[in-house]
Amino acid sequence: MDKRIPVTLLTGFLGSGKTTLLNKLLRHAAMKDSAVIINELGEAELDHILATQVDSEQIADNTVLLSSGCVCCTLKNELADTMRDLFFKRALQAIPQFNRLVIETTGMADPGPILANLMNEPVIESVFRLDAVVVTIDSEYGLQQLQQHAEARKQAAVADVLLLTKTDLASPETLAALKEKLIEINAGATQHKILHGEIDPDFIIDVGLFDPTGKRADPQRWLRAPVKSGLFKKSHNDEISSFIVTLPSPINWRDLKPVILKLCQTYGANLLRLKGIVHAADLDHPLAIHAVHFTPYPPTELEGWTEDVPTNRIVLIGKGLDETAIRKSLMQV
């Protein structure tokens, strides 16, 4: 259905266990056809990863082949440049074929601009697609970090999968409070508790719009929206909030598209993520729509996928969003 290379964005606040997770992940046989981009800033340097991998060899510039078969490289320039470089090396057979990409960010990274890279660059957009945003959360200090750091809240808010790390160091009460806070920030994300970085890749790889075979779409899993919008807890204007808008049927994509674009232009800086499923009367197949900040992602036609009761719904996550005004503009389509 969609033959582009799926991308997993792995992020998380400083000290939340991304490096430990990545070390363990790259040892799995299921990851042997993967490429990994590692940001050199902070503690998660390529040398730190390679120190635990045996028989790695330099194959091109800052790119190495790990014993597991993974292609691993450092981010020395812009992310877009590194992604293009990897793809062209793959096409020229300068590096082994890879069928998925994992991008590991620094602990203080705002995931929004990184996601926008997948949308703004024509070459990248035509070759790569976002599969999922995976965020590590320190079970012991996560609550404090969420309260004190906007970056930590943004990371949690845009996540598709939240990994609660170092669970052996947190009391049951602390862990329960953290899980509750994360539900408040992002009720649609899947949560997993992990210890010492051990996790089955199936929990975080190929968990987006398409299943691992690439033969069918699973929009409900990708959208990760609660059945009732009331499950989302409203917040003050200086905090991150989430809500879901269910649109009436029938609806035409030609009418909805400019409204989505206007929402991005109006709320861009504060619109962390928009995801939706649209059953448009003027199209042959349903659409999966996605936007980050000012940038709408090219919609994906869900050929061969249907719902028993076709429902148009859009999930919005952002800071200081005017829910009333947004609902009004969408419901008037």
C-alpha atoms as a PDB file:
ATOM      1  CA  MET A   1       0.000   0.000   0.000  1.00  0.00           C
ATOM      2  CA  ASP A   2       2.650   2.516   1.048  1.00  0.00           C
ATOM      3  CA  LYS A   3       6.136   1.447   0.020  1.00  0.00           C
ATOM      4  CA  ARG A   4       7.980   4.312   1.700  1.00  0.00           C
ATOM      5  CA  ILE A   5      10.475   3.497   4.451  1.00  0.00           C
ATOM      6  CA  PRO A   6       8.825   3.702   7.916  1.00  0.00           C
ATOM      7  CA  VAL A   7      10.498   6.010  10.428  1.00  0.00           C
ATOM      8  CA  THR A   8      10.450   5.585  14.212  1.00  0.00           C
ATOM      9  CA  LEU A   9      11.303   8.749  16.127  1.00  0.00           C
ATOM     10  CA  LEU A  10      12.815   7.776  19.494  1.00  0.00           C
ATOM     11  CA  THR A  11      12.971  10.643  21.958  1.00  0.00           C
ATOM     12  CA  GLY A  12      12.760  11.263  25.675  1.00  0.00           C
ATOM     13  CA  PHE A  13      14.084  13.639  28.302  1.00  0.00           C
ATOM     14  CA  LEU A  14      17.701  13.629  29.505  1.00  0.00           C
ATOM     15  CA  GLY A  15      18.579  10.471  31.411  1.00  0.00           C
ATOM     16  CA  SER A  16      15.339   8.682  30.593  1.00  0.00           C
ATOM     17  CA  GLY A  17      17.077   5.622  29.168  1.00  0.00           C
ATOM     18  CA  LYS A  18      17.090   6.104  25.384  1.00  0.00           C
ATOM     19  CA  THR A  19      20.667   4.877  25.000  1.00  0.00           C
ATOM     20  CA  THR A  20      20.096   1.741  27.078  1.00  0.00           C
ATOM     21  CA  LEU A  21      16.925   1.009  25.109  1.00  0.00           C
ATOM     22  CA  LEU A  22      18.667   1.535  21.777  1.00  0.00           C
ATOM     23  CA  ASN A  23      21.579  -0.697  22.768  1.00  0.00           C
ATOM     24  CA  LYS A  24      19.217  -3.560  23.581  1.00  0.00           C
ATOM     25  CA  LEU A  25      16.997  -2.886  20.581  1.00  0.00           C
ATOM     26  CA  LEU A  26      19.842  -3.092  18.063  1.00  0.00           C
ATOM     27  CA  ARG A  27      20.694  -6.599  19.263  1.00  0.00           C
ATOM     28  CA  HIS A  28      17.317  -8.001  18.178  1.00  0.00           C
ATOM     29  CA  ALA A  29      17.221 -10.059  14.987  1.00  0.00           C
ATOM     30  CA  ALA A  30      14.031  -8.193  14.064  1.00  0.00           C
ATOM     31  CA  MET A  31      16.099  -5.009  13.710  1.00  0.00           C
ATOM     32  CA  LYS A  32      18.697  -6.367  11.278  1.00  0.00           C
ATOM     33  CA  ASP A  33      17.217  -4.527   8.299  1.00  0.00           C
ATOM     34  CA  SER A  34      17.145  -1.181  10.130  1.00  0.00           C
ATOM     35  CA  ALA A  35      19.134   2.021   9.830  1.00  0.00           C
ATOM     36  CA  VAL A  36      19.664   4.238  12.870  1.00  0.00           C
ATOM     37  CA  ILE A  37      20.522   7.933  13.038  1.00  0.00           C
ATOM     38  CA  ILE A  38      22.007   8.931  16.397  1.00  0.00           C
ATOM     39  CA  ASN A  39      22.451  12.522  17.479  1.00  0.00           C
ATOM     40  CA  GLU A  40      26.004  13.023  18.751  1.00  0.00           C
ATOM     41  CA  LEU A  41      25.034  15.593  21.384  1.00  0.00           C
ATOM     42  CA  GLY A  42      24.664  14.439  24.975  1.00  0.00           C
ATOM     43  CA  GLU A  43      25.502  10.977  26.216  1.00  0.00           C
ATOM     44  CA  ALA A  44      23.912   8.975  23.419  1.00  0.00           C
ATOM     45  CA  GLU A  45      26.916   9.097  21.090  1.00  0.00           C
ATOM     46  CA  LEU A  46      27.641   6.550  18.418  1.00  0.00           C
ATOM     47  CA  ASP A  47      30.783   5.430  20.253  1.00  0.00           C
ATOM     48  CA  HIS A  48      28.670   4.650  23.300  1.00  0.00           C
ATOM     49  CA  ILE A  49      26.405   2.436  21.193  1.00  0.00           C
ATOM     50  CA  LEU A  50      29.320   0.755  19.430  1.00  0.00           C
ATOM     51  CA  ALA A  51      31.036  -0.014  22.726  1.00  0.00           C
ATOM     52  CA  THR A  52      28.423  -2.692  23.389  1.00  0.00           C
ATOM     53  CA  GLN A  53      28.284  -4.033  19.830  1.00  0.00           C
ATOM     54  CA  VAL A  54      30.923  -6.436  18.524  1.00  0.00           C
ATOM     55  CA  ASP A  55      32.342  -6.821  15.027  1.00  0.00           C
ATOM     56  CA  SER A  56      31.124  -3.429  13.827  1.00  0.00           C
ATOM     57  CA  GLU A  57      32.819  -2.095  10.709  1.00  0.00           C
ATOM     58  CA  GLN A  58      33.107   1.283   9.022  1.00  0.00           C
ATOM     59  CA  ILE A  59      31.338   1.175   5.658  1.00  0.00           C
ATOM     60  CA  ALA A  60      30.895   4.800   4.543  1.00  0.00           C
ATOM     61  CA  ASP A  61      31.891   8.126   6.099  1.00  0.00           C
ATOM     62  CA  ASN A  62      30.268   8.275   9.529  1.00  0.00           C
ATOM     63  CA  THR A  63      28.298   5.066   8.897  1.00  0.00           C
ATOM     64  CA  VAL A  64      29.008   1.662  10.413  1.00  0.00           C
ATOM     65  CA  LEU A  65      27.523  -1.798  10.049  1.00  0.00           C
ATOM     66  CA  LEU A  66      26.786  -3.489  13.375  1.00  0.00           C
ATOM     67  CA  SER A  67      27.125  -7.204  13.933  1.00  0.00           C
ATOM     68  CA  SER A  68      23.318  -7.471  14.069  1.00  0.00           C
ATOM     69  CA  GLY A  69      23.082  -6.135  10.511  1.00  0.00           C
ATOM     70  CA  CYS A  70      21.860  -2.659  11.473  1.00  0.00           C
ATOM     71  CA  VAL A  71      23.274   0.349   9.652  1.00  0.00           C
ATOM     72  CA  CYS A  72      24.180   3.030  12.202  1.00  0.00           C
ATOM     73  CA  CYS A  73      25.290   6.615  11.649  1.00  0.00           C
ATOM     74  CA  THR A  74      25.721   9.888  13.545  1.00  0.00           C
ATOM     75  CA  LEU A  75      23.887  13.117  12.825  1.00  0.00           C
ATOM     76  CA  LYS A  76      26.635  15.555  11.876  1.00  0.00           C
ATOM     77  CA  ASN A  77      24.649  17.971   9.695  1.00  0.00           C
ATOM     78  CA  GLU A  78      20.956  18.699   9.301  1.00  0.00           C
ATOM     79  CA  LEU A  79      18.627  15.740   9.790  1.00  0.00           C
ATOM     80  CA  ALA A  80      17.203  16.129   6.297  1.00  0.00           C
ATOM     81  CA  ASP A  81      20.701  15.936   4.796  1.00  0.00           C
ATOM     82  CA  THR A  82      21.526  12.798   6.767  1.00  0.00           C
ATOM     83  CA  MET A  83      18.275  11.104   5.734  1.00  0.00           C
ATOM     84  CA  ARG A  84      18.846  11.920   2.071  1.00  0.00           C
ATOM     85  CA  ASP A  85      22.438  10.722   2.334  1.00  0.00           C
ATOM     86  CA  LEU A  86      21.361   7.399   3.806  1.00  0.00           C
ATOM     87  CA  PHE A  87      18.758   6.843   1.109  1.00  0.00           C
ATOM     88  CA  PHE A  88      21.132   7.641  -1.764  1.00  0.00           C
ATOM     89  CA  LYS A  89      23.826   5.380  -0.292  1.00  0.00           C
ATOM     90  CA  ARG A  90      21.195   2.651  -0.065  1.00  0.00           C
ATOM     91  CA  ALA A  91      20.160   3.209  -3.692  1.00  0.00           C
ATOM     92  CA  LEU A  92      23.810   3.089  -4.833  1.00  0.00           C
ATOM     93  CA  GLN A  93      24.408  -0.040  -2.702  1.00  0.00           C
ATOM     94  CA  ALA A  94      27.151   1.756  -0.782  1.00  0.00           C
ATOM     95  CA  ILE A  95      25.455   0.494   2.374  1.00  0.00           C
ATOM     96  CA  PRO A  96      23.271  -2.580   2.937  1.00  0.00           C
ATOM     97  CA  GLN A  97      19.586  -2.419   2.124  1.00  0.00           C
ATOM     98  CA  PHE A  98      17.501  -1.182   5.055  1.00  0.00           C
ATOM     99  CA  ASN A  99      13.732  -1.248   5.328  1.00  0.00           C
ATOM    100  CA  ARG A 100      13.132   0.978   8.364  1.00  0.00           C
ATOM    101  CA  LEU A 101      14.780   3.966  10.008  1.00  0.00           C
ATOM    102  CA  VAL A 102      15.078   4.845  13.699  1.00  0.00           C
ATOM    103  CA  ILE A 103      15.983   8.429  14.627  1.00  0.00           C
ATOM    104  CA  GLU A 104      17.266   8.942  18.182  1.00  0.00           C
ATOM    105  CA  THR A 105      17.159  12.545  19.375  1.00  0.00           C
ATOM    106  CA  THR A 106      18.801  14.503  22.154  1.00  0.00           C
ATOM    107  CA  GLY A 107      17.036  14.715  25.502  1.00  0.00           C
ATOM    108  CA  MET A 108      16.092  18.366  25.082  1.00  0.00           C
ATOM    109  CA  ALA A 109      14.808  17.999  21.521  1.00  0.00           C
ATOM    110  CA  ASP A 110      11.461  19.461  20.514  1.00  0.00           C
ATOM    111  CA  PRO A 111       9.960  16.695  18.348  1.00  0.00           C
ATOM    112  CA  GLY A 112       7.872  19.137  16.298  1.00  0.00           C
ATOM    113  CA  PRO A 113      10.630  20.430  13.970  1.00  0.00           C
ATOM    114  CA  ILE A 114      11.928  16.878  13.550  1.00  0.00           C
ATOM    115  CA  LEU A 115       8.505  15.656  12.491  1.00  0.00           C
ATOM    116  CA  ALA A 116       8.194  18.632  10.163  1.00  0.00           C
ATOM    117  CA  ASN A 117      11.386  17.467   8.417  1.00  0.00           C
ATOM    118  CA  LEU A 118       9.421  14.450   7.236  1.00  0.00           C
ATOM    119  CA  MET A 119       6.830  16.751   5.691  1.00  0.00           C
ATOM    120  CA  ASN A 120       8.658  19.751   4.291  1.00  0.00           C
ATOM    121  CA  GLU A 121      11.378  18.065   2.239  1.00  0.00           C
ATOM    122  CA  PRO A 122      10.074  16.703  -1.107  1.00  0.00           C
ATOM    123  CA  VAL A 123      12.736  13.994  -1.453  1.00  0.00           C
ATOM    124  CA  ILE A 124      12.296  12.854   2.139  1.00  0.00           C
ATOM    125  CA  GLU A 125       8.502  12.899   2.015  1.00  0.00           C
ATOM    126  CA  SER A 126       8.517  10.766  -1.110  1.00  0.00           C
ATOM    127  CA  VAL A 127      10.891   8.173   0.378  1.00  0.00           C
ATOM    128  CA  PHE A 128      10.180   8.075   4.134  1.00  0.00           C
ATOM    129  CA  ARG A 129       6.972   8.038   6.180  1.00  0.00           C
ATOM    130  CA  LEU A 130       6.472   8.488   9.892  1.00  0.00           C
ATOM    131  CA  ASP A 131       5.529   5.241  11.613  1.00  0.00           C
ATOM    132  CA  ALA A 132       5.451   6.293  15.269  1.00  0.00           C
ATOM    133  CA  VAL A 133       6.868   8.636  17.889  1.00  0.00           C
ATOM    134  CA  VAL A 134       8.277   6.610  20.805  1.00  0.00           C
ATOM    135  CA  VAL A 135       9.108   8.475  24.026  1.00  0.00           C
ATOM    136  CA  THR A 136      11.008   7.197  27.065  1.00  0.00           C
ATOM    137  CA  ILE A 137       9.869   8.517  30.456  1.00  0.00           C
ATOM    138  CA  ASP A 138      11.947   8.123  33.635  1.00  0.00           C
ATOM    139  CA  SER A 139       9.642   6.414  36.158  1.00  0.00           C
ATOM    140  CA  GLU A 140      11.462   7.930  39.137  1.00  0.00           C
ATOM    141  CA  TYR A 141      11.857  11.537  37.951  1.00  0.00           C
ATOM    142  CA  GLY A 142       9.303  11.728  35.139  1.00  0.00           C
ATOM    143  CA  LEU A 143       6.653  13.583  37.138  1.00  0.00           C
ATOM    144  CA  GLN A 144       9.141  16.258  38.163  1.00  0.00           C
ATOM    145  CA  GLN A 145      10.458  16.610  34.604  1.00  0.00           C
ATOM    146  CA  LEU A 146       6.942  16.945  33.184  1.00  0.00           C
ATOM    147  CA  GLN A 147       6.162  19.675  35.676  1.00  0.00           C
ATOM    148  CA  GLN A 148       9.386  21.634  35.190  1.00  0.00           C
ATOM    149  CA  HIS A 149      10.275  21.270  31.509  1.00  0.00           C
ATOM    150  CA  ALA A 150       8.184  22.197  28.489  1.00  0.00           C
ATOM    151  CA  GLU A 151      10.291  19.891  26.305  1.00  0.00           C
ATOM    152  CA  ALA A 152       9.332  16.865  28.389  1.00  0.00           C
ATOM    153  CA  ARG A 153       5.640  17.764  28.148  1.00  0.00           C
ATOM    154  CA  LYS A 154       5.853  18.250  24.371  1.00  0.00           C
ATOM    155  CA  GLN A 155       7.586  14.900  23.942  1.00  0.00           C
ATOM    156  CA  ALA A 156       4.907  13.112  25.968  1.00  0.00           C
ATOM    157  CA  ALA A 157       2.089  14.961  24.187  1.00  0.00           C
ATOM    158  CA  VAL A 158       3.054  13.911  20.647  1.00  0.00           C
ATOM    159  CA  ALA A 159       3.970  10.314  21.514  1.00  0.00           C
ATOM    160  CA  ASP A 160       2.293   7.308  19.979  1.00  0.00           C
ATOM    161  CA  VAL A 161       4.052   5.023  22.472  1.00  0.00           C
ATOM    162  CA  LEU A 162       5.244   5.947  25.981  1.00  0.00           C
ATOM    163  CA  LEU A 163       7.914   3.741  27.572  1.00  0.00           C
ATOM    164  CA  LEU A 164       8.147   4.004  31.355  1.00  0.00           C
ATOM    165  CA  THR A 165      11.778   3.190  32.154  1.00  0.00           C
ATOM    166  CA  LYS A 166      13.646   2.359  35.389  1.00  0.00           C
ATOM    167  CA  THR A 167      10.462   0.993  36.918  1.00  0.00           C
ATOM    168  CA  ASP A 168      12.471  -0.781  39.619  1.00  0.00           C
ATOM    169  CA  LEU A 169      13.538   2.599  41.061  1.00  0.00           C
ATOM    170  CA  ALA A 170      10.068   4.095  41.448  1.00  0.00           C
ATOM    171  CA  SER A 171       7.565   3.332  44.191  1.00  0.00           C
ATOM    172  CA  PRO A 172       4.153   1.964  43.149  1.00  0.00           C
ATOM    173  CA  GLU A 173       2.598   5.285  44.203  1.00  0.00           C
ATOM    174  CA  THR A 174       5.023   7.312  42.079  1.00  0.00           C
ATOM    175  CA  LEU A 175       4.495   5.027  39.102  1.00  0.00           C
ATOM    176  CA  ALA A 176       0.717   5.249  39.410  1.00  0.00           C
ATOM    177  CA  ALA A 177       0.844   9.053  39.626  1.00  0.00           C
ATOM    178  CA  LEU A 178       3.125   9.214  36.575  1.00  0.00           C
ATOM    179  CA  LYS A 179       0.816   7.006  34.516  1.00  0.00           C
ATOM    180  CA  GLU A 180      -2.142   9.188  35.519  1.00  0.00           C
ATOM    181  CA  LYS A 181      -0.284  12.361  34.511  1.00  0.00           C
ATOM    182  CA  LEU A 182       0.672  10.874  31.151  1.00  0.00           C
ATOM    183  CA  ILE A 183      -2.950   9.934  30.498  1.00  0.00           C
ATOM    184  CA  GLU A 184      -3.882  13.527  31.297  1.00  0.00           C
ATOM    185  CA  ILE A 185      -1.313  14.809  28.792  1.00  0.00           C
ATOM    186  CA  ASN A 186      -1.822  12.170  26.098  1.00  0.00           C
ATOM    187  CA  ALA A 187      -4.723   9.809  26.614  1.00  0.00           C
ATOM    188  CA  GLY A 188      -4.255   8.235  23.194  1.00  0.00           C
ATOM    189  CA  ALA A 189      -0.688   6.973  23.661  1.00  0.00           C
ATOM    190  CA  THR A 190       0.071   3.344  24.457  1.00  0.00           C
ATOM    191  CA  GLN A 191       2.040   2.894  27.696  1.00  0.00           C
ATOM    192  CA  HIS A 192       4.560   0.121  28.402  1.00  0.00           C
ATOM    193  CA  LYS A 193       6.665  -0.431  31.516  1.00  0.00           C
ATOM    194  CA  ILE A 194      10.216  -1.570  30.736  1.00  0.00           C
ATOM    195  CA  LEU A 195      13.203  -2.542  32.854  1.00  0.00           C
ATOM    196  CA  HIS A 196      16.891  -2.212  31.890  1.00  0.00           C
ATOM    197  CA  GLY A 197      15.906  -1.234  28.349  1.00  0.00           C
ATOM    198  CA  GLU A 198      14.458  -4.644  27.516  1.00  0.00           C
ATOM    199  CA  ILE A 199      11.501  -4.509  25.156  1.00  0.00           C
ATOM    200  CA  ASP A 200      10.067  -6.560  22.324  1.00  0.00           C
ATOM    201  CA  PRO A 201      10.569  -4.533  19.114  1.00  0.00           C
ATOM    202  CA  ASP A 202       6.983  -5.380  18.152  1.00  0.00           C
ATOM    203  CA  PHE A 203       5.796  -2.897  20.794  1.00  0.00           C
ATOM    204  CA  ILE A 204       7.479   0.068  19.106  1.00  0.00           C
ATOM    205  CA  ILE A 205       8.268  -0.915  15.490  1.00  0.00           C
ATOM    206  CA  ASP A 206       5.565  -1.010  12.801  1.00  0.00           C
ATOM    207  CA  VAL A 207       2.940   0.286  15.219  1.00  0.00           C
ATOM    208  CA  GLY A 208       1.737   3.179  13.070  1.00  0.00           C
ATOM    209  CA  LEU A 209      -0.755   3.392  10.246  1.00  0.00           C
ATOM    210  CA  PHE A 210       0.303   0.194   8.490  1.00  0.00           C
ATOM    211  CA  ASP A 211       0.837  -3.291   9.850  1.00  0.00           C
ATOM    212  CA  PRO A 212       4.265  -5.008   9.545  1.00  0.00           C
ATOM    213  CA  THR A 213       3.324  -6.677   6.249  1.00  0.00           C
ATOM    214  CA  GLY A 214       2.494  -3.308   4.702  1.00  0.00           C
ATOM    215  CA  LYS A 215      -0.564  -4.905   3.117  1.00  0.00           C
ATOM    216  CA  ARG A 216      -3.267  -3.208   5.137  1.00  0.00           C
ATOM    217  CA  ALA A 217      -3.893  -0.140   7.251  1.00  0.00           C
ATOM    218  CA  ASP A 218      -4.927  -0.054  10.909  1.00  0.00           C
ATOM    219  CA  PRO A 219      -6.191   3.517  11.337  1.00  0.00           C
ATOM    220  CA  GLN A 220      -7.788   2.964  14.765  1.00  0.00           C
ATOM    221  CA  ARG A 221      -4.440   1.882  16.215  1.00  0.00           C
ATOM    222  CA  TRP A 222      -2.671   4.779  14.511  1.00  0.00           C
ATOM    223  CA  LEU A 223      -5.197   7.397  15.560  1.00  0.00           C
ATOM    224  CA  ARG A 224      -5.157   6.173  19.187  1.00  0.00           C
ATOM    225  CA  ALA A 225      -8.164   8.281  20.081  1.00  0.00           C
ATOM    226  CA  PRO A 226     -10.456   7.609  23.053  1.00  0.00           C
ATOM    227  CA  VAL A 227     -14.003   6.656  22.147  1.00  0.00           C
ATOM    228  CA  LYS A 228     -15.347   9.672  24.032  1.00  0.00           C
ATOM    229  CA  SER A 229     -13.746  13.086  23.795  1.00  0.00           C
ATOM    230  CA  GLY A 230     -14.622  13.644  27.428  1.00  0.00           C
ATOM    231  CA  LEU A 231     -11.733  11.378  28.386  1.00  0.00           C
ATOM    232  CA  PHE A 232      -9.408  14.193  27.456  1.00  0.00           C
ATOM    233  CA  LYS A 233      -8.803  16.503  30.386  1.00  0.00           C
ATOM    234  CA  LYS A 234      -8.943  20.182  29.486  1.00  0.00           C
ATOM    235  CA  SER A 235      -6.071  22.348  30.653  1.00  0.00           C
ATOM    236  CA  HIS A 236      -5.201  26.005  31.036  1.00  0.00           C
ATOM    237  CA  ASN A 237      -3.904  28.016  28.087  1.00  0.00           C
ATOM    238  CA  ASP A 238      -0.297  27.653  29.178  1.00  0.00           C
ATOM    239  CA  GLU A 239      -0.555  23.868  29.274  1.00  0.00           C
ATOM    240  CA  ILE A 240      -0.871  21.138  26.674  1.00  0.00           C
ATOM    241  CA  SER A 241      -4.339  19.818  25.957  1.00  0.00           C
ATOM    242  CA  SER A 242      -5.859  17.238  23.619  1.00  0.00           C
ATOM    243  CA  PHE A 243      -9.316  16.748  22.200  1.00  0.00           C
ATOM    244  CA  ILE A 244     -11.122  14.854  19.465  1.00  0.00           C
ATOM    245  CA  VAL A 245     -13.631  16.307  17.007  1.00  0.00           C
ATOM    246  CA  THR A 246     -16.129  13.975  15.357  1.00  0.00           C
ATOM    247  CA  LEU A 247     -17.326  15.455  12.061  1.00  0.00           C
ATOM    248  CA  PRO A 248     -20.741  14.901  10.479  1.00  0.00           C
ATOM    249  CA  SER A 249     -21.194  12.854   7.316  1.00  0.00           C
ATOM    250  CA  PRO A 250     -21.196  13.260   4.405  1.00  0.00           C
ATOM    251  CA  ILE A 251     -18.131  15.468   4.042  1.00  0.00           C
ATOM    252  CA  ASN A 252     -16.019  16.491   1.042  1.00  0.00           C
ATOM    253  CA  TRP A 253     -12.236  16.593   1.146  1.00  0.00           C
ATOM    254  CA  ARG A 254     -12.184  19.652  -1.136  1.00  0.00           C
ATOM    255  CA  ASP A 255     -14.045  21.539   1.611  1.00  0.00           C
ATOM    256  CA  LEU A 256     -12.140  20.125   4.590  1.00  0.00           C
ATOM    257  CA  LYS A 257      -8.623  20.526   3.161  1.00  0.00           C
ATOM    258  CA  PRO A 258      -8.536  24.370   3.265  1.00  0.00           C
ATOM    259  CA  VAL A 259      -9.935  24.325   6.808  1.00  0.00           C
ATOM    260  CA  ILE A 260      -7.097  22.030   7.966  1.00  0.00           C
ATOM    261  CA  LEU A 261      -4.594  24.323   6.243  1.00  0.00           C
ATOM    262  CA  LYS A 262      -6.083  27.378   7.956  1.00  0.00           C
ATOM    263  CA  LEU A 263      -5.936  25.640  11.353  1.00  0.00           C
ATOM    264  CA  CYS A 264      -2.234  24.957  10.776  1.00  0.00           C
ATOM    265  CA  GLN A 265      -1.621  28.566   9.786  1.00  0.00           C
ATOM    266  CA  THR A 266      -3.597  29.906  12.754  1.00  0.00           C
ATOM    267  CA  TYR A 267      -2.269  27.654  15.503  1.00  0.00           C
ATOM    268  CA  GLY A 268       0.969  26.449  13.892  1.00  0.00           C
ATOM    269  CA  ALA A 269       3.430  27.315  16.648  1.00  0.00           C
ATOM    270  CA  ASN A 270       1.173  25.725  19.281  1.00  0.00           C
ATOM    271  CA  LEU A 271      -0.240  22.848  17.216  1.00  0.00           C
ATOM    272  CA  LEU A 272       1.948  19.945  18.270  1.00  0.00           C
ATOM    273  CA  ARG A 273       0.087  17.325  16.298  1.00  0.00           C
ATOM    274  CA  LEU A 274      -3.111  16.740  14.333  1.00  0.00           C
ATOM    275  CA  LYS A 275      -4.256  13.291  13.206  1.00  0.00           C
ATOM    276  CA  GLY A 276      -7.495  12.217  11.632  1.00  0.00           C
ATOM    277  CA  ILE A 277      -9.516   9.716   9.620  1.00  0.00           C
ATOM    278  CA  VAL A 278     -11.780  11.150   6.923  1.00  0.00           C
ATOM    279  CA  HIS A 279     -14.395   9.322   4.850  1.00  0.00           C
ATOM    280  CA  ALA A 280     -14.826  11.863   2.072  1.00  0.00           C
ATOM    281  CA  ALA A 281     -17.762  11.624  -0.307  1.00  0.00           C
ATOM    282  CA  ASP A 282     -15.679  13.061  -3.153  1.00  0.00           C
ATOM    283  CA  LEU A 283     -12.920  10.401  -2.875  1.00  0.00           C
ATOM    284  CA  ASP A 284     -12.925   6.686  -3.609  1.00  0.00           C
ATOM    285  CA  HIS A 285     -11.105   5.734  -0.384  1.00  0.00           C
ATOM    286  CA  PRO A 286     -10.877   7.009   3.214  1.00  0.00           C
ATOM    287  CA  LEU A 287      -7.973   9.308   4.114  1.00  0.00           C
ATOM    288  CA  ALA A 288      -5.508   9.370   6.989  1.00  0.00           C
ATOM    289  CA  ILE A 289      -4.542  13.013   7.583  1.00  0.00           C
ATOM    290  CA  HIS A 290      -1.664  14.308   9.701  1.00  0.00           C
ATOM    291  CA  ALA A 291      -0.161  17.706  10.499  1.00  0.00           C
ATOM    292  CA  VAL A 292       2.526  19.154  12.763  1.00  0.00           C
ATOM    293  CA  HIS A 293       2.783  22.881  13.537  1.00  0.00           C
ATOM    294  CA  PHE A 294       2.327  24.831  10.282  1.00  0.00           C
ATOM    295  CA  THR A 295       2.674  21.825   7.998  1.00  0.00           C
ATOM    296  CA  PRO A 296      -0.070  19.451   6.790  1.00  0.00           C
ATOM    297  CA  TYR A 297       1.364  16.102   5.736  1.00  0.00           C
ATOM    298  CA  PRO A 298       0.228  14.719   2.343  1.00  0.00           C
ATOM    299  CA  PRO A 299      -2.821  12.552   3.144  1.00  0.00           C
ATOM    300  CA  THR A 300      -2.651   8.795   2.755  1.00  0.00           C
ATOM    301  CA  GLU A 301      -5.432   6.988   0.907  1.00  0.00           C
ATOM    302  CA  LEU A 302      -6.576   3.922   2.840  1.00  0.00           C
ATOM    303  CA  GLU A 303      -7.342   1.737  -0.157  1.00  0.00           C
ATOM    304  CA  GLY A 304      -9.135  -1.464   0.784  1.00  0.00           C
ATOM    305  CA  TRP A 305      -9.950  -0.328   4.342  1.00  0.00           C
ATOM    306  CA  THR A 306     -13.492   0.278   5.563  1.00  0.00           C
ATOM    307  CA  GLU A 307     -15.369   0.756   8.831  1.00  0.00           C
ATOM    308  CA  ASP A 308     -18.707  -0.764   9.779  1.00  0.00           C
ATOM    309  CA  VAL A 309     -19.858   2.739  10.678  1.00  0.00           C
ATOM    310  CA  PRO A 310     -17.707   5.279   8.769  1.00  0.00           C
ATOM    311  CA  THR A 311     -16.767   8.037  11.207  1.00  0.00           C
ATOM    312  CA  ASN A 312     -14.860  11.231  10.480  1.00  0.00           C
ATOM    313  CA  ARG A 313     -12.706  12.204  13.468  1.00  0.00           C
ATOM    314  CA  ILE A 314      -9.736  14.444  14.096  1.00  0.00           C
ATOM    315  CA  VAL A 315      -7.480  14.484  17.159  1.00  0.00           C
ATOM    316  CA  LEU A 316      -5.682  17.738  18.003  1.00  0.00           C
ATOM    317  CA  ILE A 317      -2.844  18.115  20.513  1.00  0.00           C
ATOM    318  CA  GLY A 318      -1.402  21.491  21.350  1.00  0.00           C
ATOM    319  CA  LYS A 319      -0.767  24.358  23.708  1.00  0.00           C
ATOM    320  CA  GLY A 320      -3.394  27.031  24.223  1.00  0.00           C
ATOM    321  CA  LEU A 321      -5.657  25.740  21.456  1.00  0.00           C
ATOM    322  CA  ASP A 322      -9.087  27.413  21.240  1.00  0.00           C
ATOM    323  CA  GLU A 323     -11.153  24.232  21.279  1.00  0.00           C
ATOM    324  CA  THR A 324     -14.473  26.046  20.808  1.00  0.00           C
ATOM    325  CA  ALA A 325     -13.275  27.959  17.734  1.00  0.00           C
ATOM    326  CA  ILE A 326     -11.610  24.869  16.241  1.00  0.00           C
ATOM    327  CA  ARG A 327     -14.733  22.762  16.708  1.00  0.00           C
ATOM    328  CA  LYS A 328     -16.859  25.472  15.119  1.00  0.00           C
ATOM    329  CA  SER A 329     -14.628  25.777  12.038  1.00  0.00           C
ATOM    330  CA  LEU A 330     -14.484  22.012  11.523  1.00  0.00           C
ATOM    331  CA  MET A 331     -18.201  21.437  12.077  1.00  0.00           C
ATOM    332  CA  GLN A 332     -19.084  24.087   9.476  1.00  0.00           C
ATOM    333  CA  VAL A 333     -17.355  22.201   6.651  1.00  0.00           C
END
